[in-house]
Amino acid sequence: MYISYKNFQDGTYNLVVVESDGVITKSLKGKETAIKTHKRKLTRLRAKHK
């Protein structure tokens, strides 16, 4: 899992980007929220492919 921070709408590193397995998740709310949402997204995608 790769976590990076980006600028969004003239903010200072306020966008968290989480990437793993070719799936990208973004959050403006914080690192913990981005990771939680990313794990949920991965679970949903894995269930969809079964």
N, C-alpha and C. Protein backbone atom coordinates (compact mmCIF):
# COMPACT_ATOMS: atom_id res chain seq x y z
N MET A 1 0.85 -1.16 0.00
CA MET A 1 0.00 0.00 0.00
C MET A 1 0.91 1.24 0.00
N TYR A 2 0.71 2.08 -0.98
CA TYR A 2 1.51 3.30 -1.13
C TYR A 2 0.64 4.51 -0.80
N ILE A 3 1.09 5.33 0.13
CA ILE A 3 0.34 6.51 0.56
C ILE A 3 1.11 7.75 0.18
N SER A 4 0.44 8.69 -0.49
CA SER A 4 1.09 9.95 -0.85
C SER A 4 0.13 11.11 -0.60
N TYR A 5 0.68 12.29 -0.57
CA TYR A 5 -0.11 13.49 -0.33
C TYR A 5 0.03 14.42 -1.53
N LYS A 6 -1.06 15.01 -1.94
CA LYS A 6 -1.08 15.90 -3.10
C LYS A 6 -1.75 17.22 -2.72
N ASN A 7 -1.47 18.25 -3.49
CA ASN A 7 -2.15 19.53 -3.33
C ASN A 7 -3.47 19.47 -4.06
N PHE A 8 -4.50 20.04 -3.46
CA PHE A 8 -5.82 20.07 -4.08
C PHE A 8 -6.43 21.45 -3.84
N GLN A 9 -6.77 22.12 -4.91
CA GLN A 9 -7.38 23.45 -4.87
C GLN A 9 -6.60 24.41 -3.97
N ASP A 10 -5.34 24.59 -4.28
CA ASP A 10 -4.44 25.52 -3.60
C ASP A 10 -4.22 25.20 -2.13
N GLY A 11 -4.51 24.00 -1.69
CA GLY A 11 -4.24 23.60 -0.32
C GLY A 11 -2.81 23.10 -0.21
N THR A 12 -2.37 22.85 0.98
CA THR A 12 -1.02 22.34 1.18
C THR A 12 -1.11 20.87 1.57
N TYR A 13 -0.89 19.99 0.61
CA TYR A 13 -0.90 18.55 0.83
C TYR A 13 -2.14 18.09 1.59
N ASN A 14 -3.30 18.47 1.08
CA ASN A 14 -4.54 18.15 1.77
C ASN A 14 -5.29 16.97 1.14
N LEU A 15 -4.74 16.37 0.09
CA LEU A 15 -5.39 15.23 -0.55
C LEU A 15 -4.51 13.99 -0.32
N VAL A 16 -5.09 12.97 0.31
CA VAL A 16 -4.36 11.73 0.57
C VAL A 16 -4.70 10.75 -0.54
N VAL A 17 -3.68 10.16 -1.15
CA VAL A 17 -3.86 9.18 -2.22
C VAL A 17 -3.28 7.85 -1.76
N VAL A 18 -4.11 6.81 -1.76
CA VAL A 18 -3.68 5.46 -1.39
C VAL A 18 -3.77 4.60 -2.62
N GLU A 19 -2.69 3.84 -2.90
CA GLU A 19 -2.66 3.00 -4.10
C GLU A 19 -2.09 1.64 -3.76
N SER A 20 -2.79 0.60 -4.22
CA SER A 20 -2.28 -0.77 -4.13
C SER A 20 -3.05 -1.64 -5.11
N ASP A 21 -2.40 -2.62 -5.66
CA ASP A 21 -3.02 -3.56 -6.61
C ASP A 21 -3.67 -2.84 -7.79
N GLY A 22 -3.13 -1.69 -8.18
CA GLY A 22 -3.68 -0.95 -9.30
C GLY A 22 -4.96 -0.19 -8.99
N VAL A 23 -5.34 -0.16 -7.72
CA VAL A 23 -6.56 0.55 -7.29
C VAL A 23 -6.13 1.82 -6.56
N ILE A 24 -6.76 2.93 -6.90
CA ILE A 24 -6.42 4.22 -6.31
C ILE A 24 -7.62 4.76 -5.55
N THR A 25 -7.37 5.23 -4.33
CA THR A 25 -8.42 5.83 -3.51
C THR A 25 -7.92 7.19 -3.04
N LYS A 26 -8.81 8.19 -3.06
CA LYS A 26 -8.43 9.54 -2.64
C LYS A 26 -9.34 9.99 -1.51
N SER A 27 -8.79 10.80 -0.60
CA SER A 27 -9.58 11.34 0.50
C SER A 27 -9.07 12.71 0.90
N LEU A 28 -9.99 13.60 1.16
CA LEU A 28 -9.64 14.92 1.68
C LEU A 28 -9.71 14.95 3.21
N LYS A 29 -10.27 13.91 3.81
CA LYS A 29 -10.52 13.92 5.24
C LYS A 29 -9.34 13.47 6.08
N GLY A 30 -8.41 12.71 5.52
CA GLY A 30 -7.26 12.29 6.30
C GLY A 30 -6.77 10.90 5.93
N LYS A 31 -5.61 10.57 6.47
CA LYS A 31 -4.95 9.32 6.16
C LYS A 31 -5.76 8.11 6.61
N GLU A 32 -6.27 8.14 7.84
CA GLU A 32 -7.03 7.01 8.37
C GLU A 32 -8.28 6.74 7.54
N THR A 33 -8.96 7.79 7.16
CA THR A 33 -10.17 7.65 6.34
C THR A 33 -9.82 7.08 4.97
N ALA A 34 -8.72 7.54 4.39
CA ALA A 34 -8.31 7.06 3.08
C ALA A 34 -7.98 5.57 3.12
N ILE A 35 -7.30 5.13 4.17
CA ILE A 35 -6.94 3.72 4.30
C ILE A 35 -8.18 2.86 4.50
N LYS A 36 -9.10 3.32 5.36
CA LYS A 36 -10.32 2.57 5.63
C LYS A 36 -11.17 2.45 4.35
N THR A 37 -11.29 3.53 3.62
CA THR A 37 -12.06 3.52 2.37
C THR A 37 -11.39 2.63 1.33
N HIS A 38 -10.06 2.67 1.29
CA HIS A 38 -9.32 1.85 0.33
C HIS A 38 -9.52 0.36 0.61
N LYS A 39 -9.46 -0.03 1.87
CA LYS A 39 -9.67 -1.44 2.21
C LYS A 39 -11.09 -1.88 1.85
N ARG A 40 -12.07 -1.01 2.09
CA ARG A 40 -13.46 -1.31 1.74
C ARG A 40 -13.60 -1.47 0.23
N LYS A 41 -12.93 -0.61 -0.51
CA LYS A 41 -12.98 -0.65 -1.97
C LYS A 41 -12.35 -1.94 -2.50
N LEU A 42 -11.22 -2.35 -1.92
CA LEU A 42 -10.56 -3.59 -2.34
C LEU A 42 -11.45 -4.80 -2.06
N THR A 43 -12.09 -4.81 -0.89
CA THR A 43 -12.98 -5.92 -0.54
C THR A 43 -14.15 -6.01 -1.52
N ARG A 44 -14.72 -4.87 -1.86
CA ARG A 44 -15.83 -4.83 -2.80
C ARG A 44 -15.41 -5.33 -4.18
N LEU A 45 -14.23 -4.90 -4.63
CA LEU A 45 -13.76 -5.33 -5.96
C LEU A 45 -13.45 -6.82 -5.99
N ARG A 46 -12.86 -7.35 -4.91
CA ARG A 46 -12.57 -8.79 -4.87
C ARG A 46 -13.85 -9.61 -4.86
N ALA A 47 -14.87 -9.16 -4.14
CA ALA A 47 -16.15 -9.87 -4.10
C ALA A 47 -16.83 -9.84 -5.46
N LYS A 48 -16.65 -8.75 -6.17
CA LYS A 48 -17.28 -8.60 -7.49
C LYS A 48 -16.67 -9.57 -8.51
N HIS A 49 -15.37 -9.88 -8.36
CA HIS A 49 -14.68 -10.75 -9.33
C HIS A 49 -14.87 -12.23 -9.04
N LYS A 50 -15.48 -12.59 -7.92
CA LYS A 50 -15.68 -14.01 -7.61
C LYS A 50 -16.87 -14.57 -8.31
